[in-house]
């Protein structure tokens, strides 16, 4: 499984490859909003990411915010965004992750 940890919501800056105005997480976001915030744009190993079945998006407290099935990636310069199917209502959402995010990087493989 791929795990992405989101920090606090902040402006995306100009030229966001996914057309977002903000990135990161804030309380009250829907699973769809979390998916759009968390699916990219990241530096990661494309082959390794594609070998994973799912991505779990968590906040810095380790709470699962969204889960998606990975179906592909899109390239944005030297970075990537995940393509996938959001698993709305997954039982893991709203619960602490059983796999703490130990990496200093926002993207890790479990």
PDB file of N, CA and C in Angstrom:
ATOM      1  N   UNK A   1       0.845  -1.174   0.000  1.00  0.00           N
ATOM      2  CA  UNK A   1       0.000   0.000   0.000  1.00  0.00           C
ATOM      3  C   UNK A   1       0.892   1.239   0.000  1.00  0.00           C
ATOM      4  N   UNK A   2       0.455   2.239  -0.732  1.00  0.00           N
ATOM      5  CA  UNK A   2       1.094   3.541  -0.732  1.00  0.00           C
ATOM      6  C   UNK A   2       0.385   4.384   0.318  1.00  0.00           C
ATOM      7  N   UNK A   3       1.135   5.177   1.068  1.00  0.00           N
ATOM      8  CA  UNK A   3       0.528   6.052   2.065  1.00  0.00           C
ATOM      9  C   UNK A   3       1.033   7.466   1.836  1.00  0.00           C
ATOM     10  N   UNK A   4       0.101   8.415   1.817  1.00  0.00           N
ATOM     11  CA  UNK A   4       0.431   9.824   1.634  1.00  0.00           C
ATOM     12  C   UNK A   4      -0.065  10.586   2.849  1.00  0.00           C
ATOM     13  N   UNK A   5       0.852  11.354   3.435  1.00  0.00           N
ATOM     14  CA  UNK A   5       0.516  12.144   4.607  1.00  0.00           C
ATOM     15  C   UNK A   5       0.361  13.604   4.191  1.00  0.00           C
ATOM     16  N   UNK A   6      -0.799  14.184   4.506  1.00  0.00           N
ATOM     17  CA  UNK A   6      -1.073  15.575   4.171  1.00  0.00           C
ATOM     18  C   UNK A   6      -0.875  16.470   5.384  1.00  0.00           C
ATOM     19  N   UNK A   7      -0.198  17.585   5.155  1.00  0.00           N
ATOM     20  CA  UNK A   7      -0.068  18.616   6.175  1.00  0.00           C
ATOM     21  C   UNK A   7      -1.256  19.561   6.105  1.00  0.00           C
ATOM     22  N   UNK A   8      -1.144  20.665   6.807  1.00  0.00           N
ATOM     23  CA  UNK A   8      -2.213  21.658   6.870  1.00  0.00           C
ATOM     24  C   UNK A   8      -2.463  22.277   5.496  1.00  0.00           C
ATOM     25  N   UNK A   9      -3.724  22.601   5.251  1.00  0.00           N
ATOM     26  CA  UNK A   9      -4.113  23.214   3.976  1.00  0.00           C
ATOM     27  C   UNK A   9      -3.404  24.557   3.798  1.00  0.00           C
ATOM     28  N   UNK A  10      -2.990  24.808   2.547  1.00  0.00           N
ATOM     29  CA  UNK A  10      -2.304  26.048   2.195  1.00  0.00           C
ATOM     30  C   UNK A  10      -2.538  26.334   0.717  1.00  0.00           C
ATOM     31  N   UNK A  11      -2.289  27.553   0.250  1.00  0.00           N
ATOM     32  CA  UNK A  11      -2.475  27.857  -1.174  1.00  0.00           C
ATOM     33  C   UNK A  11      -1.572  26.976  -2.046  1.00  0.00           C
ATOM     34  N   UNK A  12      -2.082  26.552  -3.182  1.00  0.00           N
ATOM     35  CA  UNK A  12      -1.324  25.686  -4.085  1.00  0.00           C
ATOM     36  C   UNK A  12      -0.248  26.443  -4.842  1.00  0.00           C
ATOM     37  N   UNK A  13      -0.399  27.724  -4.967  1.00  0.00           N
ATOM     38  CA  UNK A  13       0.572  28.493  -5.744  1.00  0.00           C
ATOM     39  C   UNK A  13       0.176  28.483  -7.219  1.00  0.00           C
ATOM     40  N   UNK A  14       0.891  29.232  -7.999  1.00  0.00           N
ATOM     41  CA  UNK A  14       0.553  29.334  -9.422  1.00  0.00           C
ATOM     42  C   UNK A  14       1.050  28.110 -10.176  1.00  0.00           C
ATOM     43  N   UNK A  15       0.304  27.748 -11.186  1.00  0.00           N
ATOM     44  CA  UNK A  15       0.733  26.659 -12.057  1.00  0.00           C
ATOM     45  C   UNK A  15       0.590  25.271 -11.478  1.00  0.00           C
ATOM     46  N   UNK A  16      -0.328  25.049 -10.546  1.00  0.00           N
ATOM     47  CA  UNK A  16      -0.542  23.700 -10.038  1.00  0.00           C
ATOM     48  C   UNK A  16      -0.994  22.816 -11.196  1.00  0.00           C
ATOM     49  N   UNK A  17      -0.298  21.735 -11.434  1.00  0.00           N
ATOM     50  CA  UNK A  17      -0.578  20.848 -12.562  1.00  0.00           C
ATOM     51  C   UNK A  17      -1.939  20.196 -12.539  1.00  0.00           C
ATOM     52  N   UNK A  18      -2.602  20.191 -11.388  1.00  0.00           N
ATOM     53  CA  UNK A  18      -3.937  19.606 -11.277  1.00  0.00           C
ATOM     54  C   UNK A  18      -5.021  20.676 -11.192  1.00  0.00           C
ATOM     55  N   UNK A  19      -4.624  21.941 -11.319  1.00  0.00           N
ATOM     56  CA  UNK A  19      -5.591  23.032 -11.306  1.00  0.00           C
ATOM     57  C   UNK A  19      -6.173  23.347  -9.939  1.00  0.00           C
ATOM     58  N   UNK A  20      -5.494  22.943  -8.884  1.00  0.00           N
ATOM     59  CA  UNK A  20      -6.004  23.168  -7.532  1.00  0.00           C
ATOM     60  C   UNK A  20      -5.634  24.563  -7.034  1.00  0.00           C
ATOM     61  N   UNK A  21      -6.468  25.141  -6.192  1.00  0.00           N
ATOM     62  CA  UNK A  21      -6.151  26.426  -5.575  1.00  0.00           C
ATOM     63  C   UNK A  21      -5.533  26.238  -4.197  1.00  0.00           C
ATOM     64  N   UNK A  22      -5.822  25.092  -3.562  1.00  0.00           N
ATOM     65  CA  UNK A  22      -5.222  24.774  -2.271  1.00  0.00           C
ATOM     66  C   UNK A  22      -4.723  23.335  -2.292  1.00  0.00           C
ATOM     67  N   UNK A  23      -3.773  23.051  -1.416  1.00  0.00           N
ATOM     68  CA  UNK A  23      -3.276  21.697  -1.203  1.00  0.00           C
ATOM     69  C   UNK A  23      -3.247  21.461   0.305  1.00  0.00           C
ATOM     70  N   UNK A  24      -3.201  20.218   0.705  1.00  0.00           N
ATOM     71  CA  UNK A  24      -3.171  19.894   2.122  1.00  0.00           C
ATOM     72  C   UNK A  24      -4.556  19.562   2.640  1.00  0.00           C
ATOM     73  N   UNK A  25      -4.655  19.463   3.961  1.00  0.00           N
ATOM     74  CA  UNK A  25      -5.874  18.995   4.618  1.00  0.00           C
ATOM     75  C   UNK A  25      -6.360  20.007   5.635  1.00  0.00           C
ATOM     76  N   UNK A  26      -7.679  20.084   5.785  1.00  0.00           N
ATOM     77  CA  UNK A  26      -8.322  20.874   6.837  1.00  0.00           C
ATOM     78  C   UNK A  26      -9.501  20.066   7.369  1.00  0.00           C
ATOM     79  N   UNK A  27      -9.850  20.232   8.626  1.00  0.00           N
ATOM     80  CA  UNK A  27     -11.009  19.515   9.164  1.00  0.00           C
ATOM     81  C   UNK A  27     -12.266  19.811   8.343  1.00  0.00           C
ATOM     82  N   UNK A  28     -13.106  18.792   8.201  1.00  0.00           N
ATOM     83  CA  UNK A  28     -14.370  18.954   7.485  1.00  0.00           C
ATOM     84  C   UNK A  28     -14.318  18.649   5.998  1.00  0.00           C
ATOM     85  N   UNK A  29     -13.147  18.310   5.476  1.00  0.00           N
ATOM     86  CA  UNK A  29     -13.051  17.994   4.052  1.00  0.00           C
ATOM     87  C   UNK A  29     -13.759  16.673   3.760  1.00  0.00           C
ATOM     88  N   UNK A  30     -14.396  16.592   2.601  1.00  0.00           N
ATOM     89  CA  UNK A  30     -15.008  15.334   2.164  1.00  0.00           C
ATOM     90  C   UNK A  30     -13.909  14.389   1.681  1.00  0.00           C
ATOM     91  N   UNK A  31     -14.250  13.116   1.536  1.00  0.00           N
ATOM     92  CA  UNK A  31     -13.284  12.149   1.008  1.00  0.00           C
ATOM     93  C   UNK A  31     -12.843  12.552  -0.390  1.00  0.00           C
ATOM     94  N   UNK A  32     -13.751  13.055  -1.206  1.00  0.00           N
ATOM     95  CA  UNK A  32     -13.411  13.497  -2.566  1.00  0.00           C
ATOM     96  C   UNK A  32     -12.422  14.664  -2.529  1.00  0.00           C
ATOM     97  N   UNK A  33     -12.639  15.618  -1.639  1.00  0.00           N
ATOM     98  CA  UNK A  33     -11.710  16.744  -1.510  1.00  0.00           C
ATOM     99  C   UNK A  33     -10.336  16.265  -1.053  1.00  0.00           C
ATOM    100  N   UNK A  34     -10.319  15.324  -0.120  1.00  0.00           N
ATOM    101  CA  UNK A  34      -9.049  14.762   0.351  1.00  0.00           C
ATOM    102  C   UNK A  34      -8.334  14.052  -0.796  1.00  0.00           C
ATOM    103  N   UNK A  35      -9.072  13.274  -1.585  1.00  0.00           N
ATOM    104  CA  UNK A  35      -8.477  12.567  -2.724  1.00  0.00           C
ATOM    105  C   UNK A  35      -7.853  13.567  -3.691  1.00  0.00           C
ATOM    106  N   UNK A  36      -8.558  14.634  -4.022  1.00  0.00           N
ATOM    107  CA  UNK A  36      -8.026  15.625  -4.954  1.00  0.00           C
ATOM    108  C   UNK A  36      -6.794  16.328  -4.374  1.00  0.00           C
ATOM    109  N   UNK A  37      -6.791  16.558  -3.084  1.00  0.00           N
ATOM    110  CA  UNK A  37      -5.641  17.196  -2.436  1.00  0.00           C
ATOM    111  C   UNK A  37      -4.457  16.246  -2.321  1.00  0.00           C
ATOM    112  N   UNK A  38      -4.735  14.972  -2.094  1.00  0.00           N
ATOM    113  CA  UNK A  38      -3.667  14.028  -1.778  1.00  0.00           C
ATOM    114  C   UNK A  38      -3.099  13.232  -2.926  1.00  0.00           C
ATOM    115  N   UNK A  39      -3.765  13.203  -4.076  1.00  0.00           N
ATOM    116  CA  UNK A  39      -3.311  12.323  -5.159  1.00  0.00           C
ATOM    117  C   UNK A  39      -2.085  12.845  -5.890  1.00  0.00           C
ATOM    118  N   UNK A  40      -1.703  14.051  -5.662  1.00  0.00           N
ATOM    119  CA  UNK A  40      -0.502  14.578  -6.316  1.00  0.00           C
ATOM    120  C   UNK A  40      -0.295  16.020  -5.928  1.00  0.00           C
ATOM    121  N   UNK A  41       0.703  16.575  -6.340  1.00  0.00           N
ATOM    122  CA  UNK A  41       1.758  16.135  -7.262  1.00  0.00           C
ATOM    123  C   UNK A  41       3.004  15.857  -6.405  1.00  0.00           C
ATOM    124  N   UNK A  42       3.549  14.647  -6.539  1.00  0.00           N
ATOM    125  CA  UNK A  42       4.603  14.157  -5.648  1.00  0.00           C
ATOM    126  C   UNK A  42       5.801  13.635  -6.429  1.00  0.00           C
ATOM    127  N   UNK A  43       6.925  13.573  -5.723  1.00  0.00           N
ATOM    128  CA  UNK A  43       8.096  12.846  -6.226  1.00  0.00           C
ATOM    129  C   UNK A  43       7.996  11.452  -5.637  1.00  0.00           C
ATOM    130  N   UNK A  44       7.889  10.444  -6.499  1.00  0.00           N
ATOM    131  CA  UNK A  44       7.911   9.064  -6.033  1.00  0.00           C
ATOM    132  C   UNK A  44       8.377   8.176  -7.169  1.00  0.00           C
ATOM    133  N   UNK A  45       8.671   6.937  -6.841  1.00  0.00           N
ATOM    134  CA  UNK A  45       9.090   5.953  -7.827  1.00  0.00           C
ATOM    135  C   UNK A  45       7.841   5.455  -8.546  1.00  0.00           C
ATOM    136  N   UNK A  46       7.702   5.812  -9.816  1.00  0.00           N
ATOM    137  CA  UNK A  46       6.484   5.493 -10.569  1.00  0.00           C
ATOM    138  C   UNK A  46       6.224   3.991 -10.626  1.00  0.00           C
ATOM    139  N   UNK A  47       7.247   3.197 -10.906  1.00  0.00           N
ATOM    140  CA  UNK A  47       7.059   1.744 -10.985  1.00  0.00           C
ATOM    141  C   UNK A  47       6.623   1.171  -9.645  1.00  0.00           C
ATOM    142  N   UNK A  48       7.232   1.654  -8.585  1.00  0.00           N
ATOM    143  CA  UNK A  48       6.880   1.155  -7.259  1.00  0.00           C
ATOM    144  C   UNK A  48       5.458   1.563  -6.887  1.00  0.00           C
ATOM    145  N   UNK A  49       5.072   2.796  -7.211  1.00  0.00           N
ATOM    146  CA  UNK A  49       3.707   3.254  -6.927  1.00  0.00           C
ATOM    147  C   UNK A  49       2.686   2.427  -7.703  1.00  0.00           C
ATOM    148  N   UNK A  50       2.980   2.146  -8.966  1.00  0.00           N
ATOM    149  CA  UNK A  50       2.052   1.363  -9.784  1.00  0.00           C
ATOM    150  C   UNK A  50       1.942  -0.089  -9.334  1.00  0.00           C
ATOM    151  N   UNK A  51       2.931  -0.566  -8.596  1.00  0.00           N
ATOM    152  CA  UNK A  51       2.870  -1.944  -8.099  1.00  0.00           C
ATOM    153  C   UNK A  51       1.983  -2.060  -6.845  1.00  0.00           C
ATOM    154  N   UNK A  52       1.554  -0.930  -6.312  1.00  0.00           N
ATOM    155  CA  UNK A  52       0.678  -0.915  -5.133  1.00  0.00           C
ATOM    156  C   UNK A  52      -0.774  -0.968  -5.592  1.00  0.00           C
ATOM    157  N   UNK A  53      -1.627  -1.619  -4.822  1.00  0.00           N
ATOM    158  CA  UNK A  53      -3.046  -1.703  -5.156  1.00  0.00           C
ATOM    159  C   UNK A  53      -3.825  -0.478  -4.699  1.00  0.00           C
ATOM    160  N   UNK A  54      -3.464   0.034  -3.515  1.00  0.00           N
ATOM    161  CA  UNK A  54      -4.248   1.114  -2.921  1.00  0.00           C
ATOM    162  C   UNK A  54      -3.347   2.213  -2.373  1.00  0.00           C
ATOM    163  N   UNK A  55      -3.967   3.371  -2.187  1.00  0.00           N
ATOM    164  CA  UNK A  55      -3.324   4.482  -1.503  1.00  0.00           C
ATOM    165  C   UNK A  55      -4.214   4.879  -0.332  1.00  0.00           C
ATOM    166  N   UNK A  56      -3.569   5.140   0.779  1.00  0.00           N
ATOM    167  CA  UNK A  56      -4.247   5.596   1.984  1.00  0.00           C
ATOM    168  C   UNK A  56      -3.746   7.011   2.233  1.00  0.00           C
ATOM    169  N   UNK A  57      -4.662   7.967   2.329  1.00  0.00           N
ATOM    170  CA  UNK A  57      -4.283   9.349   2.593  1.00  0.00           C
ATOM    171  C   UNK A  57      -4.604   9.643   4.055  1.00  0.00           C
ATOM    172  N   UNK A  58      -3.578  10.107   4.772  1.00  0.00           N
ATOM    173  CA  UNK A  58      -3.728  10.355   6.209  1.00  0.00           C
ATOM    174  C   UNK A  58      -3.331  11.796   6.529  1.00  0.00           C
ATOM    175  N   UNK A  59      -3.724  12.257   7.721  1.00  0.00           N
ATOM    176  CA  UNK A  59      -3.244  13.558   8.182  1.00  0.00           C
ATOM    177  C   UNK A  59      -2.040  13.335   9.095  1.00  0.00           C
ATOM    178  N   UNK A  60      -1.466  14.418   9.612  1.00  0.00           N
ATOM    179  CA  UNK A  60      -0.259  14.288  10.430  1.00  0.00           C
ATOM    180  C   UNK A  60      -0.524  13.643  11.789  1.00  0.00           C
ATOM    181  N   UNK A  61      -1.792  13.505  12.166  1.00  0.00           N
ATOM    182  CA  UNK A  61      -2.144  12.792  13.396  1.00  0.00           C
ATOM    183  C   UNK A  61      -2.325  11.294  13.160  1.00  0.00           C
ATOM    184  N   UNK A  62      -2.183  10.843  11.898  1.00  0.00           N
ATOM    185  CA  UNK A  62      -2.314   9.427  11.588  1.00  0.00           C
ATOM    186  C   UNK A  62      -3.736   8.963  11.345  1.00  0.00           C
ATOM    187  N   UNK A  63      -4.664   9.895  11.154  1.00  0.00           N
ATOM    188  CA  UNK A  63      -6.066   9.552  10.884  1.00  0.00           C
ATOM    189  C   UNK A  63      -6.245   9.325   9.381  1.00  0.00           C
ATOM    190  N   UNK A  64      -6.890   8.217   9.031  1.00  0.00           N
ATOM    191  CA  UNK A  64      -7.155   7.921   7.620  1.00  0.00           C
ATOM    192  C   UNK A  64      -8.266   8.848   7.127  1.00  0.00           C
ATOM    193  N   UNK A  65      -7.978   9.582   6.055  1.00  0.00           N
ATOM    194  CA  UNK A  65      -8.919  10.559   5.502  1.00  0.00           C
ATOM    195  C   UNK A  65      -9.598  10.064   4.236  1.00  0.00           C
ATOM    196  N   UNK A  66      -8.910   9.216   3.479  1.00  0.00           N
ATOM    197  CA  UNK A  66      -9.464   8.666   2.241  1.00  0.00           C
ATOM    198  C   UNK A  66      -8.632   7.460   1.818  1.00  0.00           C
ATOM    199  N   UNK A  67      -9.278   6.563   1.075  1.00  0.00           N
ATOM    200  CA  UNK A  67      -8.618   5.380   0.521  1.00  0.00           C
ATOM    201  C   UNK A  67      -9.045   5.280  -0.936  1.00  0.00           C
ATOM    202  N   UNK A  68      -8.103   4.966  -1.817  1.00  0.00           N
ATOM    203  CA  UNK A  68      -8.425   4.829  -3.240  1.00  0.00           C
ATOM    204  C   UNK A  68      -7.680   3.647  -3.831  1.00  0.00           C
ATOM    205  N   UNK A  69      -8.250   3.079  -4.875  1.00  0.00           N
ATOM    206  CA  UNK A  69      -7.605   2.028  -5.656  1.00  0.00           C
ATOM    207  C   UNK A  69      -6.777   2.731  -6.729  1.00  0.00           C
ATOM    208  N   UNK A  70      -5.514   2.397  -6.844  1.00  0.00           N
ATOM    209  CA  UNK A  70      -4.622   3.020  -7.824  1.00  0.00           C
ATOM    210  C   UNK A  70      -4.840   2.367  -9.185  1.00  0.00           C
ATOM    211  N   UNK A  71      -5.127   3.194 -10.195  1.00  0.00           N
ATOM    212  CA  UNK A  71      -5.327   2.684 -11.554  1.00  0.00           C
ATOM    213  C   UNK A  71      -4.261   3.185 -12.525  1.00  0.00           C
ATOM    214  N   UNK A  72      -3.478   4.173 -12.122  1.00  0.00           N
ATOM    215  CA  UNK A  72      -2.439   4.707 -12.991  1.00  0.00           C
ATOM    216  C   UNK A  72      -1.799   5.930 -12.380  1.00  0.00           C
ATOM    217  N   UNK A  73      -0.929   6.560 -13.152  1.00  0.00           N
ATOM    218  CA  UNK A  73      -0.293   7.803 -12.731  1.00  0.00           C
ATOM    219  C   UNK A  73      -0.244   8.743 -13.925  1.00  0.00           C
ATOM    220  N   UNK A  74      -0.115  10.035 -13.640  1.00  0.00           N
ATOM    221  CA  UNK A  74       0.119  11.019 -14.694  1.00  0.00           C
ATOM    222  C   UNK A  74       1.403  11.759 -14.352  1.00  0.00           C
ATOM    223  N   UNK A  75       2.160  12.114 -15.372  1.00  0.00           N
ATOM    224  CA  UNK A  75       3.463  12.754 -15.192  1.00  0.00           C
ATOM    225  C   UNK A  75       3.300  14.263 -15.265  1.00  0.00           C
ATOM    226  N   UNK A  76       3.971  14.954 -14.350  1.00  0.00           N
ATOM    227  CA  UNK A  76       3.951  16.414 -14.281  1.00  0.00           C
ATOM    228  C   UNK A  76       5.393  16.872 -14.075  1.00  0.00           C
ATOM    229  N   UNK A  77       6.132  17.005 -15.177  1.00  0.00           N
ATOM    230  CA  UNK A  77       7.558  17.320 -15.073  1.00  0.00           C
ATOM    231  C   UNK A  77       8.290  16.142 -14.468  1.00  0.00           C
ATOM    232  N   UNK A  78       8.994  16.387 -13.354  1.00  0.00           N
ATOM    233  CA  UNK A  78       9.721  15.301 -12.675  1.00  0.00           C
ATOM    234  C   UNK A  78       8.910  14.730 -11.509  1.00  0.00           C
ATOM    235  N   UNK A  79       7.625  15.039 -11.476  1.00  0.00           N
ATOM    236  CA  UNK A  79       6.742  14.568 -10.409  1.00  0.00           C
ATOM    237  C   UNK A  79       5.542  13.839 -11.004  1.00  0.00           C
ATOM    238  N   UNK A  80       4.745  13.224 -10.116  1.00  0.00           N
ATOM    239  CA  UNK A  80       3.629  12.410 -10.566  1.00  0.00           C
ATOM    240  C   UNK A  80       2.375  12.686  -9.745  1.00  0.00           C
ATOM    241  N   UNK A  81       1.245  12.374 -10.337  1.00  0.00           N
ATOM    242  CA  UNK A  81      -0.040  12.378  -9.639  1.00  0.00           C
ATOM    243  C   UNK A  81      -0.660  10.999  -9.814  1.00  0.00           C
ATOM    244  N   UNK A  82      -1.345  10.546  -8.798  1.00  0.00           N
ATOM    245  CA  UNK A  82      -2.030   9.256  -8.869  1.00  0.00           C
ATOM    246  C   UNK A  82      -3.349   9.396  -9.600  1.00  0.00           C
ATOM    247  N   UNK A  83      -3.705   8.381 -10.324  1.00  0.00           N
ATOM    248  CA  UNK A  83      -5.031   8.244 -10.918  1.00  0.00           C
ATOM    249  C   UNK A  83      -5.662   7.060 -10.194  1.00  0.00           C
ATOM    250  N   UNK A  84      -6.946   7.115  -9.947  1.00  0.00           N
ATOM    251  CA  UNK A  84      -7.543   6.002  -9.241  1.00  0.00           C
ATOM    252  C   UNK A  84      -9.020   6.154  -8.998  1.00  0.00           C
ATOM    253  N   UNK A  85      -9.531   5.191  -8.260  1.00  0.00           N
ATOM    254  CA  UNK A  85     -10.951   5.128  -7.914  1.00  0.00           C
ATOM    255  C   UNK A  85     -11.081   5.283  -6.411  1.00  0.00           C
ATOM    256  N   UNK A  86     -11.690   6.381  -5.983  1.00  0.00           N
ATOM    257  CA  UNK A  86     -11.905   6.635  -4.571  1.00  0.00           C
ATOM    258  C   UNK A  86     -12.843   5.573  -4.008  1.00  0.00           C
ATOM    259  N   UNK A  87     -12.475   4.967  -2.887  1.00  0.00           N
ATOM    260  CA  UNK A  87     -13.294   3.952  -2.237  1.00  0.00           C
ATOM    261  C   UNK A  87     -14.139   4.648  -1.166  1.00  0.00           C
ATOM    262  N   UNK A  88     -15.192   5.325  -1.616  1.00  0.00           N
ATOM    263  CA  UNK A  88     -16.051   6.101  -0.715  1.00  0.00           C
ATOM    264  C   UNK A  88     -16.622   5.226   0.393  1.00  0.00           C
ATOM    265  N   UNK A  89     -16.567   5.745   1.611  1.00  0.00           N
ATOM    266  CA  UNK A  89     -17.143   5.028   2.740  1.00  0.00           C
ATOM    267  C   UNK A  89     -16.335   3.839   3.217  1.00  0.00           C
ATOM    268  N   UNK A  90     -15.074   3.735   2.788  1.00  0.00           N
ATOM    269  CA  UNK A  90     -14.228   2.634   3.248  1.00  0.00           C
ATOM    270  C   UNK A  90     -14.170   2.643   4.776  1.00  0.00           C
ATOM    271  N   UNK A  91     -14.207   1.469   5.380  1.00  0.00           N
ATOM    272  CA  UNK A  91     -14.248   1.334   6.841  1.00  0.00           C
ATOM    273  C   UNK A  91     -13.013   1.919   7.530  1.00  0.00           C
ATOM    274  N   UNK A  92     -11.918   2.078   6.798  1.00  0.00           N
ATOM    275  CA  UNK A  92     -10.697   2.626   7.401  1.00  0.00           C
ATOM    276  C   UNK A  92     -10.762   4.134   7.606  1.00  0.00           C
ATOM    277  N   UNK A  93     -11.617   4.813   6.838  1.00  0.00           N
ATOM    278  CA  UNK A  93     -11.719   6.272   6.912  1.00  0.00           C
ATOM    279  C   UNK A  93     -12.265   6.679   8.278  1.00  0.00           C
ATOM    280  N   UNK A  94     -11.613   7.669   8.881  1.00  0.00           N
ATOM    281  CA  UNK A  94     -12.024   8.162  10.195  1.00  0.00           C
ATOM    282  C   UNK A  94     -11.401   7.421  11.354  1.00  0.00           C
ATOM    283  N   UNK A  95     -10.532   6.470  11.049  1.00  0.00           N
ATOM    284  CA  UNK A  95      -9.858   5.677  12.084  1.00  0.00           C
ATOM    285  C   UNK A  95      -8.348   5.923  11.999  1.00  0.00           C
ATOM    286  N   UNK A  96      -7.638   5.701  13.085  1.00  0.00           N
ATOM    287  CA  UNK A  96      -6.176   5.797  13.030  1.00  0.00           C
ATOM    288  C   UNK A  96      -5.615   4.724  12.086  1.00  0.00           C
ATOM    289  N   UNK A  97      -4.585   5.077  11.356  1.00  0.00           N
ATOM    290  CA  UNK A  97      -3.955   4.093  10.482  1.00  0.00           C
ATOM    291  C   UNK A  97      -3.259   3.025  11.328  1.00  0.00           C
ATOM    292  N   UNK A  98      -3.348   1.764  10.927  1.00  0.00           N
ATOM    293  CA  UNK A  98      -2.617   0.724  11.653  1.00  0.00           C
ATOM    294  C   UNK A  98      -1.124   0.736  11.309  1.00  0.00           C
ATOM    295  N   UNK A  99      -0.747   1.531  10.322  1.00  0.00           N
ATOM    296  CA  UNK A  99       0.649   1.615   9.866  1.00  0.00           C
ATOM    297  C   UNK A  99       1.143   3.046  10.013  1.00  0.00           C
ATOM    298  N   UNK A 100       1.714   3.388  11.163  1.00  0.00           N
ATOM    299  CA  UNK A 100       2.177   4.764  11.376  1.00  0.00           C
ATOM    300  C   UNK A 100       3.143   5.218  10.282  1.00  0.00           C
ATOM    301  N   UNK A 101       3.041   6.469   9.926  1.00  0.00           N
ATOM    302  CA  UNK A 101       3.868   7.070   8.877  1.00  0.00           C
ATOM    303  C   UNK A 101       5.197   7.478   9.502  1.00  0.00           C
ATOM    304  N   UNK A 102       6.226   6.672   9.297  1.00  0.00           N
ATOM    305  CA  UNK A 102       7.515   6.899   9.947  1.00  0.00           C
ATOM    306  C   UNK A 102       8.480   7.715   9.091  1.00  0.00           C
ATOM    307  N   UNK A 103       8.157   7.916   7.830  1.00  0.00           N
ATOM    308  CA  UNK A 103       9.044   8.632   6.917  1.00  0.00           C
ATOM    309  C   UNK A 103       8.908  10.145   7.094  1.00  0.00           C
ATOM    310  N   UNK A 104       9.998  10.867   6.850  1.00  0.00           N
ATOM    311  CA  UNK A 104       9.935  12.332   6.833  1.00  0.00           C
ATOM    312  C   UNK A 104       9.315  12.823   5.539  1.00  0.00           C
ATOM    313  N   UNK A 105       9.297  11.971   4.531  1.00  0.00           N
ATOM    314  CA  UNK A 105       8.682  12.299   3.251  1.00  0.00           C
ATOM    315  C   UNK A 105       7.178  12.082   3.336  1.00  0.00           C
ATOM    316  N   UNK A 106       6.397  12.854   2.564  1.00  0.00           N
ATOM    317  CA  UNK A 106       4.953  12.673   2.622  1.00  0.00           C
ATOM    318  C   UNK A 106       4.473  11.363   1.984  1.00  0.00           C
ATOM    319  N   UNK A 107       5.274  10.762   1.114  1.00  0.00           N
ATOM    320  CA  UNK A 107       4.902   9.523   0.427  1.00  0.00           C
ATOM    321  C   UNK A 107       5.756   8.374   0.978  1.00  0.00           C
ATOM    322  N   UNK A 108       5.091   7.295   1.365  1.00  0.00           N
ATOM    323  CA  UNK A 108       5.813   6.108   1.827  1.00  0.00           C
ATOM    324  C   UNK A 108       5.089   4.850   1.351  1.00  0.00           C
ATOM    325  N   UNK A 109       5.804   3.764   1.349  1.00  0.00           N
ATOM    326  CA  UNK A 109       5.267   2.467   0.914  1.00  0.00           C
ATOM    327  C   UNK A 109       5.166   1.552   2.123  1.00  0.00           C
ATOM    328  N   UNK A 110       4.027   0.907   2.272  1.00  0.00           N
ATOM    329  CA  UNK A 110       3.813   0.021   3.422  1.00  0.00           C
ATOM    330  C   UNK A 110       3.668  -1.404   2.922  1.00  0.00           C
TER     331      UNK A 110
END
